Amino acid sequence: FLMFRERARVLGGWPTTELVQFYPRSIEQAGADAPLAWHYGLALSLRRNNQPAEAVRLLDRLVRERPDLPSLTLALADAEAAAGRREAALGRLADLATRLRGNRTVAIAYADQLI
């Protein structure tokens, strides 16, 4: 739920300039107790704020910590493509599509990158 809530916050119309300030403050205040979802929200807001390289750095770390969460891998592939690393994004999506056969979200993301 928390991951989807942060995704909705980022995609739901909050100004990205506010979000790239909101998340770091919130994470700093919470310290070690900051939920993964806030880091995810920060990465999404960086991507939407035309800072894909920063989003890639953060998401790469998050994916290494939680490879079991496809939403992180999808976000990383999107940020990689936006940062000009299309081949890395395609490889990541191909691997994810193989691991999660039949997952429509993954299939659509992969198809979008192939197009």
PDB file of N, CA and C in Angstrom:
ATOM      1  N   PHE A   1       0.819  -1.195   0.000  1.00  0.00           N
ATOM      2  CA  PHE A   1       0.000   0.000   0.000  1.00  0.00           C
ATOM      3  C   PHE A   1       0.867   1.265   0.000  1.00  0.00           C
ATOM      4  N   LEU A   2       1.909   1.276   0.831  1.00  0.00           N
ATOM      5  CA  LEU A   2       2.737   2.482   0.939  1.00  0.00           C
ATOM      6  C   LEU A   2       3.405   2.840  -0.382  1.00  0.00           C
ATOM      7  N   MET A   3       3.866   1.834  -1.100  1.00  0.00           N
ATOM      8  CA  MET A   3       4.518   2.102  -2.391  1.00  0.00           C
ATOM      9  C   MET A   3       3.514   2.740  -3.364  1.00  0.00           C
ATOM     10  N   PHE A   4       2.324   2.190  -3.420  1.00  0.00           N
ATOM     11  CA  PHE A   4       1.318   2.728  -4.332  1.00  0.00           C
ATOM     12  C   PHE A   4       0.864   4.122  -3.910  1.00  0.00           C
ATOM     13  N   ARG A   5       0.807   4.354  -2.608  1.00  0.00           N
ATOM     14  CA  ARG A   5       0.438   5.683  -2.134  1.00  0.00           C
ATOM     15  C   ARG A   5       1.452   6.725  -2.613  1.00  0.00           C
ATOM     16  N   GLU A   6       2.746   6.397  -2.504  1.00  0.00           N
ATOM     17  CA  GLU A   6       3.778   7.352  -2.939  1.00  0.00           C
ATOM     18  C   GLU A   6       3.766   7.515  -4.451  1.00  0.00           C
ATOM     19  N   ARG A   7       3.519   6.440  -5.163  1.00  0.00           N
ATOM     20  CA  ARG A   7       3.410   6.551  -6.629  1.00  0.00           C
ATOM     21  C   ARG A   7       2.252   7.473  -6.999  1.00  0.00           C
ATOM     22  N   ALA A   8       1.125   7.312  -6.321  1.00  0.00           N
ATOM     23  CA  ALA A   8      -0.031   8.173  -6.577  1.00  0.00           C
ATOM     24  C   ALA A   8       0.282   9.621  -6.226  1.00  0.00           C
ATOM     25  N   ARG A   9       1.038   9.841  -5.156  1.00  0.00           N
ATOM     26  CA  ARG A   9       1.403  11.203  -4.767  1.00  0.00           C
ATOM     27  C   ARG A   9       2.244  11.857  -5.870  1.00  0.00           C
ATOM     28  N   VAL A  10       3.216  11.114  -6.384  1.00  0.00           N
ATOM     29  CA  VAL A  10       4.119  11.666  -7.402  1.00  0.00           C
ATOM     30  C   VAL A  10       3.391  11.879  -8.727  1.00  0.00           C
ATOM     31  N   LEU A  11       2.572  10.923  -9.117  1.00  0.00           N
ATOM     32  CA  LEU A  11       1.887  11.021 -10.407  1.00  0.00           C
ATOM     33  C   LEU A  11       0.587  11.810 -10.331  1.00  0.00           C
ATOM     34  N   GLY A  12       0.156  12.111  -9.105  1.00  0.00           N
ATOM     35  CA  GLY A  12      -1.152  12.715  -8.915  1.00  0.00           C
ATOM     36  C   GLY A  12      -1.217  14.221  -8.966  1.00  0.00           C
ATOM     37  N   GLY A  13      -0.171  14.855  -9.345  1.00  0.00           N
ATOM     38  CA  GLY A  13      -0.275  16.284  -9.531  1.00  0.00           C
ATOM     39  C   GLY A  13       0.503  17.159  -8.584  1.00  0.00           C
ATOM     40  N   TRP A  14       1.126  16.594  -7.555  1.00  0.00           N
ATOM     41  CA  TRP A  14       1.978  17.432  -6.705  1.00  0.00           C
ATOM     42  C   TRP A  14       3.100  17.992  -7.563  1.00  0.00           C
ATOM     43  N   PRO A  15       3.463  19.244  -7.403  1.00  0.00           N
ATOM     44  CA  PRO A  15       4.598  19.787  -8.161  1.00  0.00           C
ATOM     45  C   PRO A  15       5.884  19.020  -7.818  1.00  0.00           C
ATOM     46  N   THR A  16       6.591  18.580  -8.843  1.00  0.00           N
ATOM     47  CA  THR A  16       7.793  17.783  -8.592  1.00  0.00           C
ATOM     48  C   THR A  16       8.858  18.580  -7.849  1.00  0.00           C
ATOM     49  N   THR A  17       8.888  19.883  -8.055  1.00  0.00           N
ATOM     50  CA  THR A  17       9.871  20.688  -7.319  1.00  0.00           C
ATOM     51  C   THR A  17       9.616  20.626  -5.815  1.00  0.00           C
ATOM     52  N   GLU A  18       8.362  20.523  -5.421  1.00  0.00           N
ATOM     53  CA  GLU A  18       8.042  20.371  -3.995  1.00  0.00           C
ATOM     54  C   GLU A  18       8.396  18.977  -3.503  1.00  0.00           C
ATOM     55  N   LEU A  19       8.128  17.975  -4.327  1.00  0.00           N
ATOM     56  CA  LEU A  19       8.375  16.597  -3.916  1.00  0.00           C
ATOM     57  C   LEU A  19       9.858  16.307  -3.729  1.00  0.00           C
ATOM     58  N   VAL A  20      10.709  16.883  -4.586  1.00  0.00           N
ATOM     59  CA  VAL A  20      12.146  16.608  -4.441  1.00  0.00           C
ATOM     60  C   VAL A  20      12.714  17.305  -3.206  1.00  0.00           C
ATOM     61  N   GLN A  21      11.937  18.148  -2.580  1.00  0.00           N
ATOM     62  CA  GLN A  21      12.313  18.732  -1.296  1.00  0.00           C
ATOM     63  C   GLN A  21      11.619  18.004  -0.133  1.00  0.00           C
ATOM     64  N   PHE A  22      10.369  17.620  -0.354  1.00  0.00           N
ATOM     65  CA  PHE A  22       9.568  16.950   0.669  1.00  0.00           C
ATOM     66  C   PHE A  22      10.184  15.622   1.097  1.00  0.00           C
ATOM     67  N   TYR A  23      10.517  14.770   0.122  1.00  0.00           N
ATOM     68  CA  TYR A  23      11.018  13.437   0.460  1.00  0.00           C
ATOM     69  C   TYR A  23      12.342  13.457   1.225  1.00  0.00           C
ATOM     70  N   PRO A  24      13.351  14.197   0.782  1.00  0.00           N
ATOM     71  CA  PRO A  24      14.599  14.197   1.564  1.00  0.00           C
ATOM     72  C   PRO A  24      14.410  14.692   3.002  1.00  0.00           C
ATOM     73  N   ARG A  25      13.575  15.714   3.173  1.00  0.00           N
ATOM     74  CA  ARG A  25      13.299  16.202   4.533  1.00  0.00           C
ATOM     75  C   ARG A  25      12.641  15.113   5.375  1.00  0.00           C
ATOM     76  N   SER A  26      11.653  14.468   4.800  1.00  0.00           N
ATOM     77  CA  SER A  26      10.928  13.423   5.521  1.00  0.00           C
ATOM     78  C   SER A  26      11.841  12.252   5.859  1.00  0.00           C
ATOM     79  N   ILE A  27      12.676  11.863   4.903  1.00  0.00           N
ATOM     80  CA  ILE A  27      13.604  10.746   5.118  1.00  0.00           C
ATOM     81  C   ILE A  27      14.613  11.104   6.200  1.00  0.00           C
ATOM     82  N   GLU A  28      15.123  12.313   6.136  1.00  0.00           N
ATOM     83  CA  GLU A  28      16.109  12.747   7.140  1.00  0.00           C
ATOM     84  C   GLU A  28      15.494  12.765   8.534  1.00  0.00           C
ATOM     85  N   GLN A  29      14.274  13.285   8.648  1.00  0.00           N
ATOM     86  CA  GLN A  29      13.614  13.355   9.948  1.00  0.00           C
ATOM     87  C   GLN A  29      13.337  11.964  10.518  1.00  0.00           C
ATOM     88  N   ALA A  30      12.987  11.033   9.648  1.00  0.00           N
ATOM     89  CA  ALA A  30      12.663   9.680  10.112  1.00  0.00           C
ATOM     90  C   ALA A  30      13.916   8.853  10.381  1.00  0.00           C
ATOM     91  N   GLY A  31      15.014   9.220   9.765  1.00  0.00           N
ATOM     92  CA  GLY A  31      16.259   8.481   9.961  1.00  0.00           C
ATOM     93  C   GLY A  31      16.141   7.045   9.468  1.00  0.00           C
ATOM     94  N   ALA A  32      16.625   6.126  10.274  1.00  0.00           N
ATOM     95  CA  ALA A  32      16.625   4.714   9.894  1.00  0.00           C
ATOM     96  C   ALA A  32      15.213   4.140   9.780  1.00  0.00           C
ATOM     97  N   ASP A  33      14.229   4.846  10.351  1.00  0.00           N
ATOM     98  CA  ASP A  33      12.853   4.371  10.301  1.00  0.00           C
ATOM     99  C   ASP A  33      12.101   4.827   9.046  1.00  0.00           C
ATOM    100  N   ALA A  34      12.777   5.547   8.166  1.00  0.00           N
ATOM    101  CA  ALA A  34      12.114   6.017   6.936  1.00  0.00           C
ATOM    102  C   ALA A  34      11.701   4.814   6.099  1.00  0.00           C
ATOM    103  N   PRO A  35      10.436   4.758   5.712  1.00  0.00           N
ATOM    104  CA  PRO A  35       9.984   3.608   4.927  1.00  0.00           C
ATOM    105  C   PRO A  35      10.585   3.597   3.526  1.00  0.00           C
ATOM    106  N   LEU A  36      10.750   2.406   3.006  1.00  0.00           N
ATOM    107  CA  LEU A  36      11.230   2.219   1.641  1.00  0.00           C
ATOM    108  C   LEU A  36      10.383   3.027   0.660  1.00  0.00           C
ATOM    109  N   ALA A  37       9.102   3.117   0.921  1.00  0.00           N
ATOM    110  CA  ALA A  37       8.185   3.822   0.022  1.00  0.00           C
ATOM    111  C   ALA A  37       8.587   5.285  -0.163  1.00  0.00           C
ATOM    112  N   TRP A  38       9.131   5.916   0.856  1.00  0.00           N
ATOM    113  CA  TRP A  38       9.557   7.316   0.711  1.00  0.00           C
ATOM    114  C   TRP A  38      10.757   7.429  -0.216  1.00  0.00           C
ATOM    115  N   HIS A  39      11.668   6.468  -0.142  1.00  0.00           N
ATOM    116  CA  HIS A  39      12.822   6.463  -1.053  1.00  0.00           C
ATOM    117  C   HIS A  39      12.350   6.243  -2.491  1.00  0.00           C
ATOM    118  N   TYR A  40      11.381   5.359  -2.644  1.00  0.00           N
ATOM    119  CA  TYR A  40      10.765   5.108  -3.946  1.00  0.00           C
ATOM    120  C   TYR A  40      10.095   6.381  -4.465  1.00  0.00           C
ATOM    121  N   GLY A  41       9.355   7.052  -3.609  1.00  0.00           N
ATOM    122  CA  GLY A  41       8.712   8.306  -3.998  1.00  0.00           C
ATOM    123  C   GLY A  41       9.726   9.351  -4.401  1.00  0.00           C
ATOM    124  N   LEU A  42      10.830   9.435  -3.673  1.00  0.00           N
ATOM    125  CA  LEU A  42      11.891  10.371  -4.035  1.00  0.00           C
ATOM    126  C   LEU A  42      12.442  10.038  -5.416  1.00  0.00           C
ATOM    127  N   ALA A  43      12.712   8.778  -5.667  1.00  0.00           N
ATOM    128  CA  ALA A  43      13.242   8.375  -6.971  1.00  0.00           C
ATOM    129  C   ALA A  43      12.266   8.725  -8.095  1.00  0.00           C
ATOM    130  N   LEU A  44      10.996   8.448  -7.888  1.00  0.00           N
ATOM    131  CA  LEU A  44       9.999   8.786  -8.917  1.00  0.00           C
ATOM    132  C   LEU A  44       9.931  10.292  -9.137  1.00  0.00           C
ATOM    133  N   SER A  45      10.006  11.057  -8.068  1.00  0.00           N
ATOM    134  CA  SER A  45       9.930  12.514  -8.221  1.00  0.00           C
ATOM    135  C   SER A  45      11.187  13.055  -8.892  1.00  0.00           C
ATOM    136  N   LEU A  46      12.343  12.462  -8.628  1.00  0.00           N
ATOM    137  CA  LEU A  46      13.570  12.875  -9.333  1.00  0.00           C
ATOM    138  C   LEU A  46      13.429  12.612 -10.830  1.00  0.00           C
ATOM    139  N   ARG A  47      12.898  11.454 -11.179  1.00  0.00           N
ATOM    140  CA  ARG A  47      12.694  11.115 -12.592  1.00  0.00           C
ATOM    141  C   ARG A  47      11.744  12.117 -13.243  1.00  0.00           C
ATOM    142  N   ARG A  48      10.672  12.442 -12.576  1.00  0.00           N
ATOM    143  CA  ARG A  48       9.698  13.389 -13.131  1.00  0.00           C
ATOM    144  C   ARG A  48      10.222  14.819 -13.152  1.00  0.00           C
ATOM    145  N   ASN A  49      11.221  15.102 -12.339  1.00  0.00           N
ATOM    146  CA  ASN A  49      11.816  16.437 -12.272  1.00  0.00           C
ATOM    147  C   ASN A  49      13.027  16.555 -13.206  1.00  0.00           C
ATOM    148  N   ASN A  50      13.085  15.690 -14.198  1.00  0.00           N
ATOM    149  CA  ASN A  50      14.173  15.689 -15.190  1.00  0.00           C
ATOM    150  C   ASN A  50      15.540  15.514 -14.546  1.00  0.00           C
ATOM    151  N   GLN A  51      15.614  14.630 -13.552  1.00  0.00           N
ATOM    152  CA  GLN A  51      16.865  14.271 -12.902  1.00  0.00           C
ATOM    153  C   GLN A  51      17.013  12.741 -12.935  1.00  0.00           C
ATOM    154  N   PRO A  52      16.961  12.154 -14.149  1.00  0.00           N
ATOM    155  CA  PRO A  52      16.949  10.692 -14.213  1.00  0.00           C
ATOM    156  C   PRO A  52      18.234  10.037 -13.711  1.00  0.00           C
ATOM    157  N   ALA A  53      19.381  10.676 -13.869  1.00  0.00           N
ATOM    158  CA  ALA A  53      20.631  10.064 -13.398  1.00  0.00           C
ATOM    159  C   ALA A  53      20.608   9.896 -11.882  1.00  0.00           C
ATOM    160  N   GLU A  54      20.069  10.890 -11.174  1.00  0.00           N
ATOM    161  CA  GLU A  54      19.957  10.790  -9.723  1.00  0.00           C
ATOM    162  C   GLU A  54      18.965   9.691  -9.343  1.00  0.00           C
ATOM    163  N   ALA A  55      17.883   9.597 -10.104  1.00  0.00           N
ATOM    164  CA  ALA A  55      16.896   8.547  -9.859  1.00  0.00           C
ATOM    165  C   ALA A  55      17.515   7.170 -10.075  1.00  0.00           C
ATOM    166  N   VAL A  56      18.338   7.026 -11.114  1.00  0.00           N
ATOM    167  CA  VAL A  56      19.000   5.750 -11.386  1.00  0.00           C
ATOM    168  C   VAL A  56      19.884   5.354 -10.206  1.00  0.00           C
ATOM    169  N   ARG A  57      20.660   6.285  -9.695  1.00  0.00           N
ATOM    170  CA  ARG A  57      21.543   5.969  -8.566  1.00  0.00           C
ATOM    171  C   ARG A  57      20.751   5.460  -7.360  1.00  0.00           C
ATOM    172  N   LEU A  58      19.678   6.151  -7.045  1.00  0.00           N
ATOM    173  CA  LEU A  58      18.866   5.754  -5.898  1.00  0.00           C
ATOM    174  C   LEU A  58      18.160   4.421  -6.156  1.00  0.00           C
ATOM    175  N   LEU A  59      17.550   4.285  -7.310  1.00  0.00           N
ATOM    176  CA  LEU A  59      16.810   3.060  -7.617  1.00  0.00           C
ATOM    177  C   LEU A  59      17.727   1.849  -7.743  1.00  0.00           C
ATOM    178  N   ASP A  60      18.922   2.049  -8.245  1.00  0.00           N
ATOM    179  CA  ASP A  60      19.865   0.938  -8.341  1.00  0.00           C
ATOM    180  C   ASP A  60      20.133   0.364  -6.946  1.00  0.00           C
ATOM    181  N   ARG A  61      20.333   1.248  -5.986  1.00  0.00           N
ATOM    182  CA  ARG A  61      20.551   0.803  -4.604  1.00  0.00           C
ATOM    183  C   ARG A  61      19.312   0.096  -4.062  1.00  0.00           C
ATOM    184  N   LEU A  62      18.141   0.666  -4.318  1.00  0.00           N
ATOM    185  CA  LEU A  62      16.911   0.067  -3.808  1.00  0.00           C
ATOM    186  C   LEU A  62      16.651  -1.305  -4.413  1.00  0.00           C
ATOM    187  N   VAL A  63      16.925  -1.452  -5.702  1.00  0.00           N
ATOM    188  CA  VAL A  63      16.720  -2.747  -6.366  1.00  0.00           C
ATOM    189  C   VAL A  63      17.683  -3.790  -5.799  1.00  0.00           C
ATOM    190  N   ARG A  64      18.911  -3.384  -5.519  1.00  0.00           N
ATOM    191  CA  ARG A  64      19.862  -4.334  -4.923  1.00  0.00           C
ATOM    192  C   ARG A  64      19.386  -4.769  -3.533  1.00  0.00           C
ATOM    193  N   GLU A  65      18.779  -3.831  -2.796  1.00  0.00           N
ATOM    194  CA  GLU A  65      18.269  -4.162  -1.461  1.00  0.00           C
ATOM    195  C   GLU A  65      17.004  -5.013  -1.524  1.00  0.00           C
ATOM    196  N   ARG A  66      16.144  -4.740  -2.498  1.00  0.00           N
ATOM    197  CA  ARG A  66      14.843  -5.415  -2.596  1.00  0.00           C
ATOM    198  C   ARG A  66      14.572  -5.881  -4.026  1.00  0.00           C
ATOM    199  N   PRO A  67      15.324  -6.883  -4.508  1.00  0.00           N
ATOM    200  CA  PRO A  67      15.112  -7.359  -5.879  1.00  0.00           C
ATOM    201  C   PRO A  67      13.759  -8.036  -6.084  1.00  0.00           C
ATOM    202  N   ASP A  68      13.054  -8.312  -5.002  1.00  0.00           N
ATOM    203  CA  ASP A  68      11.757  -8.977  -5.060  1.00  0.00           C
ATOM    204  C   ASP A  68      10.603  -8.034  -5.401  1.00  0.00           C
ATOM    205  N   LEU A  69      10.883  -6.730  -5.491  1.00  0.00           N
ATOM    206  CA  LEU A  69       9.809  -5.763  -5.768  1.00  0.00           C
ATOM    207  C   LEU A  69       9.883  -5.281  -7.221  1.00  0.00           C
ATOM    208  N   PRO A  70       9.013  -5.806  -8.073  1.00  0.00           N
ATOM    209  CA  PRO A  70       9.047  -5.410  -9.486  1.00  0.00           C
ATOM    210  C   PRO A  70       8.835  -3.916  -9.708  1.00  0.00           C
ATOM    211  N   SER A  71       8.097  -3.251  -8.831  1.00  0.00           N
ATOM    212  CA  SER A  71       7.858  -1.820  -9.014  1.00  0.00           C
ATOM    213  C   SER A  71       9.171  -1.035  -8.983  1.00  0.00           C
ATOM    214  N   LEU A  72      10.116  -1.474  -8.172  1.00  0.00           N
ATOM    215  CA  LEU A  72      11.420  -0.805  -8.139  1.00  0.00           C
ATOM    216  C   LEU A  72      12.187  -1.033  -9.428  1.00  0.00           C
ATOM    217  N   THR A  73      12.157  -2.258  -9.921  1.00  0.00           N
ATOM    218  CA  THR A  73      12.864  -2.585 -11.157  1.00  0.00           C
ATOM    219  C   THR A  73      12.247  -1.843 -12.339  1.00  0.00           C
ATOM    220  N   LEU A  74      10.936  -1.758 -12.388  1.00  0.00           N
ATOM    221  CA  LEU A  74      10.267  -1.013 -13.458  1.00  0.00           C
ATOM    222  C   LEU A  74      10.653   0.459 -13.412  1.00  0.00           C
ATOM    223  N   ALA A  75      10.677   1.022 -12.224  1.00  0.00           N
ATOM    224  CA  ALA A  75      11.058   2.426 -12.081  1.00  0.00           C
ATOM    225  C   ALA A  75      12.509   2.636 -12.493  1.00  0.00           C
ATOM    226  N   LEU A  76      13.379   1.697 -12.140  1.00  0.00           N
ATOM    227  CA  LEU A  76      14.787   1.806 -12.520  1.00  0.00           C
ATOM    228  C   LEU A  76      14.938   1.756 -14.032  1.00  0.00           C
ATOM    229  N   ALA A  77      14.254   0.851 -14.687  1.00  0.00           N
ATOM    230  CA  ALA A  77      14.331   0.756 -16.145  1.00  0.00           C
ATOM    231  C   ALA A  77      13.844   2.049 -16.803  1.00  0.00           C
ATOM    232  N   ASP A  78      12.776   2.608 -16.275  1.00  0.00           N
ATOM    233  CA  ASP A  78      12.263   3.873 -16.813  1.00  0.00           C
ATOM    234  C   ASP A  78      13.282   4.991 -16.637  1.00  0.00           C
ATOM    235  N   ALA A  79      13.891   5.068 -15.467  1.00  0.00           N
ATOM    236  CA  ALA A  79      14.889   6.107 -15.210  1.00  0.00           C
ATOM    237  C   ALA A  79      16.125   5.903 -16.079  1.00  0.00           C
ATOM    238  N   GLU A  80      16.529   4.646 -16.250  1.00  0.00           N
ATOM    239  CA  GLU A  80      17.685   4.374 -17.123  1.00  0.00           C
ATOM    240  C   GLU A  80      17.416   4.835 -18.548  1.00  0.00           C
ATOM    241  N   ALA A  81      16.242   4.535 -19.059  1.00  0.00           N
ATOM    242  CA  ALA A  81      15.894   4.969 -20.418  1.00  0.00           C
ATOM    243  C   ALA A  81      15.904   6.486 -20.517  1.00  0.00           C
ATOM    244  N   ALA A  82      15.354   7.147 -19.519  1.00  0.00           N
ATOM    245  CA  ALA A  82      15.323   8.619 -19.518  1.00  0.00           C
ATOM    246  C   ALA A  82      16.721   9.213 -19.405  1.00  0.00           C
ATOM    247  N   ALA A  83      17.637   8.470 -18.783  1.00  0.00           N
ATOM    248  CA  ALA A  83      19.015   8.948 -18.617  1.00  0.00           C
ATOM    249  C   ALA A  83      19.886   8.601 -19.819  1.00  0.00           C
ATOM    250  N   GLY A  84      19.272   8.040 -20.862  1.00  0.00           N
ATOM    251  CA  GLY A  84      20.034   7.709 -22.066  1.00  0.00           C
ATOM    252  C   GLY A  84      20.678   6.335 -22.026  1.00  0.00           C
ATOM    253  N   ARG A  85      20.273   5.515 -21.084  1.00  0.00           N
ATOM    254  CA  ARG A  85      20.825   4.170 -20.946  1.00  0.00           C
ATOM    255  C   ARG A  85      19.786   3.148 -21.395  1.00  0.00           C
ATOM    256  N   ARG A  86      19.351   3.300 -22.654  1.00  0.00           N
ATOM    257  CA  ARG A  86      18.253   2.482 -23.177  1.00  0.00           C
ATOM    258  C   ARG A  86      18.582   0.991 -23.185  1.00  0.00           C
ATOM    259  N   GLU A  87      19.804   0.632 -23.560  1.00  0.00           N
ATOM    260  CA  GLU A  87      20.163  -0.790 -23.604  1.00  0.00           C
ATOM    261  C   GLU A  87      20.099  -1.426 -22.213  1.00  0.00           C
ATOM    262  N   ALA A  88      20.534  -0.703 -21.213  1.00  0.00           N
ATOM    263  CA  ALA A  88      20.446  -1.213 -19.839  1.00  0.00           C
ATOM    264  C   ALA A  88      18.982  -1.405 -19.448  1.00  0.00           C
ATOM    265  N   ALA A  89      18.147  -0.440 -19.823  1.00  0.00           N
ATOM    266  CA  ALA A  89      16.720  -0.532 -19.513  1.00  0.00           C
ATOM    267  C   ALA A  89      16.090  -1.732 -20.215  1.00  0.00           C
ATOM    268  N   LEU A  90      16.421  -1.925 -21.490  1.00  0.00           N
ATOM    269  CA  LEU A  90      15.865  -3.057 -22.231  1.00  0.00           C
ATOM    270  C   LEU A  90      16.313  -4.387 -21.630  1.00  0.00           C
ATOM    271  N   GLY A  91      17.573  -4.486 -21.266  1.00  0.00           N
ATOM    272  CA  GLY A  91      18.064  -5.719 -20.653  1.00  0.00           C
ATOM    273  C   GLY A  91      17.372  -6.008 -19.335  1.00  0.00           C
ATOM    274  N   ARG A  92      17.186  -4.972 -18.548  1.00  0.00           N
ATOM    275  CA  ARG A  92      16.517  -5.122 -17.254  1.00  0.00           C
ATOM    276  C   ARG A  92      15.063  -5.563 -17.452  1.00  0.00           C
ATOM    277  N   LEU A  93      14.392  -4.954 -18.407  1.00  0.00           N
ATOM    278  CA  LEU A  93      13.001  -5.313 -18.670  1.00  0.00           C
ATOM    279  C   LEU A  93      12.875  -6.713 -19.262  1.00  0.00           C
ATOM    280  N   ALA A  94      13.814  -7.099 -20.117  1.00  0.00           N
ATOM    281  CA  ALA A  94      13.796  -8.452 -20.679  1.00  0.00           C
ATOM    282  C   ALA A  94      13.938  -9.492 -19.565  1.00  0.00           C
ATOM    283  N   ASP A  95      14.852  -9.246 -18.642  1.00  0.00           N
ATOM    284  CA  ASP A  95      15.042 -10.154 -17.512  1.00  0.00           C
ATOM    285  C   ASP A  95      13.784 -10.217 -16.654  1.00  0.00           C
ATOM    286  N   LEU A  96      13.207  -9.061 -16.383  1.00  0.00           N
ATOM    287  CA  LEU A  96      11.996  -9.023 -15.562  1.00  0.00           C
ATOM    288  C   LEU A  96      10.838  -9.731 -16.264  1.00  0.00           C
ATOM    289  N   ALA A  97      10.718  -9.550 -17.571  1.00  0.00           N
ATOM    290  CA  ALA A  97       9.649 -10.210 -18.332  1.00  0.00           C
ATOM    291  C   ALA A  97       9.822 -11.723 -18.313  1.00  0.00           C
ATOM    292  N   THR A  98      11.054 -12.180 -18.307  1.00  0.00           N
ATOM    293  CA  THR A  98      11.317 -13.621 -18.225  1.00  0.00           C
ATOM    294  C   THR A  98      10.944 -14.158 -16.849  1.00  0.00           C
ATOM    295  N   ARG A  99      11.310 -13.431 -15.810  1.00  0.00           N
ATOM    296  CA  ARG A  99      11.010 -13.876 -14.443  1.00  0.00           C
ATOM    297  C   ARG A  99       9.526 -13.799 -14.119  1.00  0.00           C
ATOM    298  N   LEU A 100       8.834 -12.812 -14.689  1.00  0.00           N
ATOM    299  CA  LEU A 100       7.423 -12.596 -14.353  1.00  0.00           C
ATOM    300  C   LEU A 100       6.539 -12.785 -15.588  1.00  0.00           C
ATOM    301  N   ARG A 101       6.682 -13.924 -16.212  1.00  0.00           N
ATOM    302  CA  ARG A 101       5.878 -14.207 -17.421  1.00  0.00           C
ATOM    303  C   ARG A 101       4.397 -13.985 -17.134  1.00  0.00           C
ATOM    304  N   GLY A 102       3.745 -13.315 -18.067  1.00  0.00           N
ATOM    305  CA  GLY A 102       2.316 -13.082 -17.923  1.00  0.00           C
ATOM    306  C   GLY A 102       1.960 -11.818 -17.145  1.00  0.00           C
ATOM    307  N   ASN A 103       2.944 -11.122 -16.601  1.00  0.00           N
ATOM    308  CA  ASN A 103       2.667  -9.885 -15.870  1.00  0.00           C
ATOM    309  C   ASN A 103       2.423  -8.774 -16.883  1.00  0.00           C
ATOM    310  N   ARG A 104       1.211  -8.269 -16.918  1.00  0.00           N
ATOM    311  CA  ARG A 104       0.826  -7.277 -17.932  1.00  0.00           C
ATOM    312  C   ARG A 104       1.590  -5.966 -17.785  1.00  0.00           C
ATOM    313  N   THR A 105       1.801  -5.532 -16.568  1.00  0.00           N
ATOM    314  CA  THR A 105       2.511  -4.272 -16.343  1.00  0.00           C
ATOM    315  C   THR A 105       3.924  -4.358 -16.893  1.00  0.00           C
ATOM    316  N   VAL A 106       4.596  -5.459 -16.623  1.00  0.00           N
ATOM    317  CA  VAL A 106       5.951  -5.661 -17.123  1.00  0.00           C
ATOM    318  C   VAL A 106       5.944  -5.754 -18.643  1.00  0.00           C
ATOM    319  N   ALA A 107       4.998  -6.495 -19.198  1.00  0.00           N
ATOM    320  CA  ALA A 107       4.924  -6.652 -20.643  1.00  0.00           C
ATOM    321  C   ALA A 107       4.696  -5.304 -21.340  1.00  0.00           C
ATOM    322  N   ILE A 108       3.845  -4.483 -20.781  1.00  0.00           N
ATOM    323  CA  ILE A 108       3.578  -3.165 -21.377  1.00  0.00           C
ATOM    324  C   ILE A 108       4.797  -2.271 -21.278  1.00  0.00           C
ATOM    325  N   ALA A 109       5.460  -2.261 -20.134  1.00  0.00           N
ATOM    326  CA  ALA A 109       6.671  -1.442 -19.979  1.00  0.00           C
ATOM    327  C   ALA A 109       7.749  -1.882 -20.964  1.00  0.00           C
ATOM    328  N   TYR A 110       7.922  -3.172 -21.115  1.00  0.00           N
ATOM    329  CA  TYR A 110       8.916  -3.711 -22.044  1.00  0.00           C
ATOM    330  C   TYR A 110       8.560  -3.344 -23.482  1.00  0.00           C
ATOM    331  N   ALA A 111       7.299  -3.519 -23.829  1.00  0.00           N
ATOM    332  CA  ALA A 111       6.856  -3.174 -25.182  1.00  0.00           C
ATOM    333  C   ALA A 111       7.052  -1.683 -25.471  1.00  0.00           C
ATOM    334  N   ASP A 112       6.736  -0.847 -24.505  1.00  0.00           N
ATOM    335  CA  ASP A 112       6.929   0.595 -24.678  1.00  0.00           C
ATOM    336  C   ASP A 112       8.385   0.921 -24.964  1.00  0.00           C
ATOM    337  N   GLN A 113       9.304   0.286 -24.253  1.00  0.00           N
ATOM    338  CA  GLN A 113      10.722   0.550 -24.494  1.00  0.00           C
ATOM    339  C   GLN A 113      11.176   0.004 -25.847  1.00  0.00           C
ATOM    340  N   LEU A 114      10.632  -1.135 -26.251  1.00  0.00           N
ATOM    341  CA  LEU A 114      11.005  -1.681 -27.552  1.00  0.00           C
ATOM    342  C   LEU A 114      10.526  -0.791 -28.694  1.00  0.00           C
ATOM    343  N   ILE A 115       9.395  -0.169 -28.513  1.00  0.00           N
ATOM    344  CA  ILE A 115       8.859   0.724 -29.545  1.00  0.00           C
ATOM    345  C   ILE A 115       9.690   1.983 -29.589  1.00  0.00           C
TER     346      ILE A 115
END
